[in-house]
Amino acid sequence: MGGVAAQLSAEQLLRLPVRVAGMDIGRAVDLILDPVQGRALGLDVLCRDEVHRFLPLAAADVRDGVIELSSAFALVDDSGFEFYRGRTSSLRMLKGTHVAQAGDNRGVLRDVVLSAAGDLEAFVVETEDGVQRVPVEPGVKLDGNANGNGR
């Protein structure tokens, strides 16, 4: 168990239902990232009881258009979620941040692409010329200067 079946954008991932034994239990509303390590750690899931819970990506099977859990116990409640919030960034908060390479602005972050292992493969950025993918490689980073479009 655990991980993404194939390369997937965060936007695609956040459209998938979260299920246990085929029953919808909530929906993913944000992707939790460790931008320093270049990995997705999990999802912020808004459960049917209107409580946000953290779902470690390693505890989910993402395939066939579904985020499937073997048990609802894979979801970490709000108090456990605080541990992750203090050490990570949410995609929602990072949107609007500039992506830089060797000091040059490559564009404004709109999405990320994940590998099957949950590694960040590419930043999807918006430029004056349109939307493009910038591969995550040494020297490519989020520069921390939001342009005001973050959500």
Protein backbone atom coordinates (compact mmCIF):
# COMPACT_ATOMS: atom_id res chain seq x y z
CA MET A 1 0.00 0.00 0.00
CA GLY A 2 0.99 3.58 -0.41
CA GLY A 3 1.72 6.07 -3.10
CA VAL A 4 0.62 7.26 -6.47
CA ALA A 5 0.18 4.67 -9.23
CA ALA A 6 1.55 6.98 -11.94
CA GLN A 7 2.80 10.53 -12.45
CA LEU A 8 0.01 12.92 -11.47
CA SER A 9 -0.46 16.65 -10.98
CA ALA A 10 -1.70 17.94 -7.65
CA GLU A 11 -4.71 19.40 -9.45
CA GLN A 12 -5.62 15.91 -10.73
CA LEU A 13 -4.99 14.33 -7.33
CA LEU A 14 -7.23 16.82 -5.53
CA ARG A 15 -10.17 15.90 -7.80
CA LEU A 16 -10.18 12.26 -6.66
CA PRO A 17 -12.59 10.93 -4.04
CA VAL A 18 -11.18 9.58 -0.76
CA ARG A 19 -12.66 6.17 0.06
CA VAL A 20 -12.48 3.33 2.56
CA ALA A 21 -13.88 0.01 1.34
CA GLY A 22 -15.53 1.82 -1.57
CA MET A 23 -17.36 4.34 0.64
CA ASP A 24 -16.66 8.07 0.24
CA ILE A 25 -15.32 9.49 3.49
CA GLY A 26 -14.28 12.94 2.33
CA ARG A 27 -12.32 14.87 -0.23
CA ALA A 28 -8.74 16.05 -0.48
CA VAL A 29 -8.60 19.84 -0.33
CA ASP A 30 -4.84 20.48 -0.26
CA LEU A 31 -1.51 18.79 -0.84
CA ILE A 32 1.02 18.91 1.99
CA LEU A 33 4.60 19.28 0.75
CA ASP A 34 8.10 19.25 2.09
CA PRO A 35 9.60 21.65 -0.46
CA VAL A 36 13.10 21.32 1.03
CA GLN A 37 13.13 17.54 0.50
CA GLY A 38 11.14 17.83 -2.75
CA ARG A 39 8.37 15.44 -1.64
CA ALA A 40 4.64 15.32 -1.13
CA LEU A 41 3.94 14.04 2.37
CA GLY A 42 0.19 13.81 2.33
CA LEU A 43 -3.20 15.34 1.84
CA ASP A 44 -5.45 17.60 3.85
CA VAL A 45 -8.74 15.69 3.74
CA LEU A 46 -12.03 17.38 4.59
CA CYS A 47 -14.02 14.49 6.01
CA ARG A 48 -17.78 14.09 5.90
CA ASP A 49 -18.00 15.24 9.55
CA GLU A 50 -16.48 18.60 8.37
CA VAL A 51 -13.18 17.93 10.19
CA HIS A 52 -9.84 18.33 8.41
CA ARG A 53 -7.55 15.33 8.81
CA PHE A 54 -4.08 14.59 7.51
CA LEU A 55 -3.66 11.59 5.25
CA PRO A 56 -0.05 10.47 4.82
CA LEU A 57 0.44 9.73 1.12
CA ALA A 58 2.23 6.51 2.07
CA ALA A 59 -1.00 5.25 3.69
CA ALA A 60 -3.10 5.70 0.56
CA ASP A 61 -3.39 3.87 -2.73
CA VAL A 62 -3.91 6.36 -5.53
CA ARG A 63 -5.07 4.63 -8.70
CA ASP A 64 -8.03 4.08 -10.95
CA GLY A 65 -9.38 7.54 -10.18
CA VAL A 66 -9.64 7.01 -6.41
CA ILE A 67 -7.65 7.67 -3.24
CA GLU A 68 -8.30 4.41 -1.39
CA LEU A 69 -7.48 3.74 2.27
CA SER A 70 -7.41 0.33 3.89
CA SER A 71 -8.73 1.90 7.09
CA ALA A 72 -10.05 5.24 8.33
CA PHE A 73 -7.36 4.97 11.02
CA ALA A 74 -4.86 6.11 8.36
CA LEU A 75 -6.27 9.63 8.82
CA VAL A 76 -4.53 11.73 11.49
CA ASP A 77 -6.82 13.95 13.53
CA ASP A 78 -6.39 17.69 14.03
CA SER A 79 -3.95 17.47 16.96
CA GLY A 80 -1.64 15.18 14.99
CA PHE A 81 -2.07 17.38 11.93
CA GLU A 82 -0.42 20.28 13.82
CA PHE A 83 2.88 18.33 13.82
CA TYR A 84 2.90 18.31 10.01
CA ARG A 85 1.68 21.89 9.61
CA GLY A 86 4.70 23.23 11.48
CA ARG A 87 7.21 21.40 9.27
CA THR A 88 5.64 21.58 5.83
CA SER A 89 3.96 23.85 3.31
CA SER A 90 0.61 23.42 1.69
CA LEU A 91 0.29 23.75 -2.05
CA ARG A 92 -2.49 26.27 -1.47
CA MET A 93 -0.05 28.53 0.41
CA LEU A 94 2.76 28.06 -2.14
CA LYS A 95 0.64 28.96 -5.17
CA GLY A 96 1.68 32.36 -6.42
CA THR A 97 5.29 31.86 -5.33
CA HIS A 98 7.94 32.47 -7.95
CA VAL A 99 9.97 29.52 -9.18
CA ALA A 100 13.60 30.46 -9.76
CA GLN A 101 16.52 28.81 -11.52
CA ALA A 102 20.02 30.24 -11.10
CA GLY A 103 18.43 33.48 -9.88
CA ASP A 104 16.14 33.81 -12.92
CA ASN A 105 12.38 33.86 -12.43
CA ARG A 106 10.89 30.92 -14.33
CA GLY A 107 7.27 31.79 -13.57
CA VAL A 108 4.59 31.76 -10.89
CA LEU A 109 3.71 28.42 -9.29
CA ARG A 110 0.26 27.10 -10.22
CA ASP A 111 0.62 23.32 -9.64
CA VAL A 112 3.14 20.54 -9.08
CA VAL A 113 3.62 17.16 -10.74
CA LEU A 114 4.35 14.14 -8.54
CA SER A 115 6.18 10.93 -9.38
CA ALA A 116 4.72 7.57 -8.42
CA ALA A 117 6.93 7.69 -5.31
CA GLY A 118 5.54 11.10 -4.27
CA ASP A 119 8.61 13.09 -5.31
CA LEU A 120 8.15 16.49 -6.90
CA GLU A 121 8.90 15.98 -10.59
CA ALA A 122 8.00 19.41 -11.94
CA PHE A 123 6.62 22.79 -11.03
CA VAL A 124 3.77 23.96 -13.26
CA VAL A 125 4.31 27.68 -13.70
CA GLU A 126 2.54 30.51 -15.43
CA THR A 127 4.64 32.91 -17.49
CA GLU A 128 3.86 35.70 -19.92
CA ASP A 129 4.06 33.03 -22.65
CA GLY A 130 1.58 30.67 -20.99
CA VAL A 131 1.80 27.64 -18.72
CA GLN A 132 4.84 25.39 -18.72
CA ARG A 133 6.49 22.68 -16.65
CA VAL A 134 9.81 23.35 -14.98
CA PRO A 135 11.56 20.11 -13.97
CA VAL A 136 12.57 19.93 -10.32
CA GLU A 137 16.34 19.63 -10.44
CA PRO A 138 19.30 21.15 -8.59
CA GLY A 139 19.17 24.91 -8.81
CA VAL A 140 15.40 25.10 -9.31
CA LYS A 141 13.60 26.35 -6.23
CA LEU A 142 10.74 28.35 -4.87
CA ASP A 143 12.17 31.77 -4.16
CA GLY A 144 9.70 32.62 -1.41
CA ASN A 145 8.39 35.82 -2.96
CA ALA A 146 4.66 35.48 -3.46
CA ASN A 147 3.08 37.69 -6.09
CA GLY A 148 -0.16 38.09 -4.19
CA ASN A 149 -2.02 35.36 -6.03
CA GLY A 150 -1.50 32.67 -3.40
CA ARG A 151 -4.62 31.20 -1.86
